Amino acid sequence: MKKILPLRLLLLAAILAIPAMSFAMDKHDPPPGAPLDGGLSILLIAGASYGAKKVADKRKKNAGSEK
């Protein structure tokens, strides 16, 4: 019972703090836009290349095991 009481108090404090945090934001200022420049396209190309390599390696492994 002694372990449950601090956990319940922490949970209660978190539940009571959530509405206070949601009202703390200023609704009048628009959020700054995230720049979508070359970095994002490089990450997309790198991810697609990595995925294509994984697929090719898996196909190559499966073709070798079928023989």
N, C-alpha and C. Protein backbone atom coordinates (compact mmCIF):
# COMPACT_ATOMS: atom_id res chain seq x y z
N MET A 1 0.82 -1.19 0.00
CA MET A 1 0.00 0.00 0.00
C MET A 1 0.87 1.26 0.00
N LYS A 2 2.04 1.19 0.64
CA LYS A 2 2.89 2.37 0.71
C LYS A 2 3.48 2.72 -0.66
N LYS A 3 3.68 1.73 -1.52
CA LYS A 3 4.19 2.01 -2.86
C LYS A 3 3.10 2.58 -3.77
N ILE A 4 1.88 2.20 -3.53
CA ILE A 4 0.78 2.62 -4.39
C ILE A 4 0.41 4.08 -4.15
N LEU A 5 0.52 4.56 -2.91
CA LEU A 5 0.13 5.93 -2.59
C LEU A 5 0.96 6.97 -3.35
N PRO A 6 2.30 6.89 -3.38
CA PRO A 6 3.05 7.88 -4.17
C PRO A 6 2.73 7.81 -5.66
N LEU A 7 2.49 6.60 -6.14
CA LEU A 7 2.14 6.45 -7.55
C LEU A 7 0.81 7.12 -7.85
N ARG A 8 -0.14 6.95 -6.97
CA ARG A 8 -1.44 7.60 -7.16
C ARG A 8 -1.33 9.11 -7.07
N LEU A 9 -0.51 9.61 -6.15
CA LEU A 9 -0.33 11.05 -6.03
C LEU A 9 0.35 11.62 -7.28
N LEU A 10 1.33 10.91 -7.80
CA LEU A 10 1.99 11.35 -9.03
C LEU A 10 1.03 11.35 -10.20
N LEU A 11 0.22 10.32 -10.31
CA LEU A 11 -0.78 10.25 -11.37
C LEU A 11 -1.81 11.36 -11.25
N LEU A 12 -2.25 11.63 -10.03
CA LEU A 12 -3.21 12.71 -9.80
C LEU A 12 -2.61 14.06 -10.17
N ALA A 13 -1.36 14.28 -9.79
CA ALA A 13 -0.70 15.55 -10.13
C ALA A 13 -0.55 15.70 -11.64
N ALA A 14 -0.23 14.61 -12.33
CA ALA A 14 -0.09 14.68 -13.79
C ALA A 14 -1.43 14.98 -14.45
N ILE A 15 -2.49 14.34 -13.95
CA ILE A 15 -3.82 14.57 -14.54
C ILE A 15 -4.27 16.01 -14.30
N LEU A 16 -3.96 16.55 -13.14
CA LEU A 16 -4.36 17.93 -12.85
C LEU A 16 -3.50 18.94 -13.60
N ALA A 17 -2.27 18.58 -13.96
CA ALA A 17 -1.38 19.51 -14.64
C ALA A 17 -1.64 19.58 -16.14
N ILE A 18 -2.24 18.58 -16.72
CA ILE A 18 -2.47 18.55 -18.18
C ILE A 18 -3.34 19.73 -18.64
N PRO A 19 -4.47 20.02 -18.00
CA PRO A 19 -5.25 21.18 -18.46
C PRO A 19 -4.49 22.50 -18.30
N ALA A 20 -3.69 22.62 -17.27
CA ALA A 20 -2.93 23.86 -17.08
C ALA A 20 -1.91 24.04 -18.20
N MET A 21 -1.29 22.96 -18.64
CA MET A 21 -0.31 23.05 -19.73
C MET A 21 -0.99 23.36 -21.05
N SER A 22 -2.20 22.87 -21.25
CA SER A 22 -2.86 23.12 -22.52
C SER A 22 -3.32 24.56 -22.65
N PHE A 23 -3.63 25.22 -21.56
CA PHE A 23 -4.03 26.62 -21.61
C PHE A 23 -2.85 27.56 -21.62
N ALA A 24 -1.66 27.06 -21.38
CA ALA A 24 -0.48 27.92 -21.32
C ALA A 24 -0.04 28.39 -22.69
N MET A 25 -0.47 27.76 -23.76
CA MET A 25 -0.06 28.15 -25.10
C MET A 25 -0.82 29.39 -25.55
N ASP A 26 -0.12 30.24 -26.27
CA ASP A 26 -0.71 31.45 -26.80
C ASP A 26 -1.38 31.12 -28.13
N LYS A 27 -2.65 31.35 -28.24
CA LYS A 27 -3.41 30.98 -29.44
C LYS A 27 -3.29 32.03 -30.55
N HIS A 28 -2.74 33.20 -30.25
CA HIS A 28 -2.75 34.29 -31.23
C HIS A 28 -1.56 34.24 -32.19
N ASP A 29 -0.43 33.70 -31.75
CA ASP A 29 0.74 33.66 -32.62
C ASP A 29 0.73 32.37 -33.44
N PRO A 30 0.89 32.49 -34.75
CA PRO A 30 0.96 31.27 -35.57
C PRO A 30 2.29 30.56 -35.31
N PRO A 31 2.30 29.26 -35.36
CA PRO A 31 3.56 28.54 -35.15
C PRO A 31 4.52 28.78 -36.30
N PRO A 32 5.80 28.82 -36.02
CA PRO A 32 6.76 29.04 -37.12
C PRO A 32 6.78 27.84 -38.05
N GLY A 33 6.91 28.11 -39.32
CA GLY A 33 6.93 27.04 -40.31
C GLY A 33 8.26 26.31 -40.32
N ALA A 34 8.20 25.03 -40.56
CA ALA A 34 9.43 24.24 -40.66
C ALA A 34 9.95 24.33 -42.08
N PRO A 35 11.22 24.64 -42.24
CA PRO A 35 11.77 24.73 -43.58
C PRO A 35 11.93 23.34 -44.20
N LEU A 36 11.38 23.17 -45.38
CA LEU A 36 11.51 21.91 -46.10
C LEU A 36 12.49 22.15 -47.24
N ASP A 37 13.75 21.95 -46.95
CA ASP A 37 14.77 22.22 -47.96
C ASP A 37 15.47 20.93 -48.36
N GLY A 38 16.69 21.01 -48.77
CA GLY A 38 17.43 19.87 -49.28
C GLY A 38 17.64 18.76 -48.27
N GLY A 39 17.65 19.07 -46.98
CA GLY A 39 17.90 18.05 -45.97
C GLY A 39 16.83 16.97 -45.96
N LEU A 40 15.60 17.37 -46.12
CA LEU A 40 14.50 16.40 -46.12
C LEU A 40 14.56 15.51 -47.35
N SER A 41 14.87 16.09 -48.49
CA SER A 41 14.95 15.27 -49.71
C SER A 41 16.12 14.30 -49.64
N ILE A 42 17.22 14.71 -49.02
CA ILE A 42 18.36 13.81 -48.86
C ILE A 42 17.98 12.64 -47.97
N LEU A 43 17.25 12.91 -46.89
CA LEU A 43 16.81 11.84 -46.00
C LEU A 43 15.85 10.89 -46.71
N LEU A 44 14.96 11.41 -47.52
CA LEU A 44 14.04 10.55 -48.26
C LEU A 44 14.77 9.67 -49.27
N ILE A 45 15.73 10.24 -49.98
CA ILE A 45 16.50 9.47 -50.94
C ILE A 45 17.33 8.40 -50.24
N ALA A 46 17.93 8.76 -49.10
CA ALA A 46 18.73 7.79 -48.36
C ALA A 46 17.86 6.64 -47.84
N GLY A 47 16.66 6.96 -47.35
CA GLY A 47 15.76 5.92 -46.87
C GLY A 47 15.29 5.01 -47.98
N ALA A 48 14.97 5.58 -49.14
CA ALA A 48 14.53 4.77 -50.27
C ALA A 48 15.67 3.88 -50.77
N SER A 49 16.89 4.41 -50.79
CA SER A 49 18.04 3.61 -51.21
C SER A 49 18.31 2.47 -50.25
N TYR A 50 18.21 2.74 -48.96
CA TYR A 50 18.42 1.71 -47.95
C TYR A 50 17.35 0.62 -48.07
N GLY A 51 16.12 1.01 -48.28
CA GLY A 51 15.04 0.04 -48.44
C GLY A 51 15.22 -0.80 -49.70
N ALA A 52 15.63 -0.17 -50.79
CA ALA A 52 15.86 -0.90 -52.05
C ALA A 52 17.00 -1.91 -51.89
N LYS A 53 18.04 -1.52 -51.16
CA LYS A 53 19.16 -2.43 -50.92
C LYS A 53 18.71 -3.62 -50.08
N LYS A 54 17.91 -3.38 -49.06
CA LYS A 54 17.42 -4.47 -48.21
C LYS A 54 16.56 -5.44 -49.03
N VAL A 55 15.70 -4.91 -49.88
CA VAL A 55 14.85 -5.76 -50.72
C VAL A 55 15.71 -6.57 -51.68
N ALA A 56 16.71 -5.94 -52.29
CA ALA A 56 17.58 -6.64 -53.24
C ALA A 56 18.38 -7.73 -52.53
N ASP A 57 18.88 -7.44 -51.33
CA ASP A 57 19.63 -8.44 -50.58
C ASP A 57 18.74 -9.62 -50.20
N LYS A 58 17.52 -9.34 -49.81
CA LYS A 58 16.59 -10.41 -49.42
C LYS A 58 16.24 -11.28 -50.63
N ARG A 59 16.01 -10.64 -51.78
CA ARG A 59 15.73 -11.41 -53.00
C ARG A 59 16.91 -12.27 -53.41
N LYS A 60 18.11 -11.70 -53.27
CA LYS A 60 19.32 -12.44 -53.63
C LYS A 60 19.51 -13.64 -52.69
N LYS A 61 19.23 -13.45 -51.42
CA LYS A 61 19.35 -14.53 -50.44
C LYS A 61 18.32 -15.62 -50.72
N ASN A 62 17.08 -15.23 -51.03
CA ASN A 62 16.03 -16.21 -51.31
C ASN A 62 16.30 -16.96 -52.61
N ALA A 63 16.85 -16.28 -53.61
CA ALA A 63 17.17 -16.95 -54.88
C ALA A 63 18.29 -17.96 -54.68
N GLY A 64 19.25 -17.66 -53.81
CA GLY A 64 20.36 -18.58 -53.54
C GLY A 64 19.91 -19.79 -52.74
N SER A 65 18.91 -19.64 -51.90
CA SER A 65 18.46 -20.76 -51.06
C SER A 65 17.50 -21.70 -51.81
N GLU A 66 16.91 -21.25 -52.90
CA GLU A 66 15.97 -22.07 -53.67
C GLU A 66 16.71 -23.08 -54.55
N LYS A 67 17.96 -22.84 -54.88
CA LYS A 67 18.71 -23.73 -55.80
C LYS A 67 19.15 -24.97 -55.12
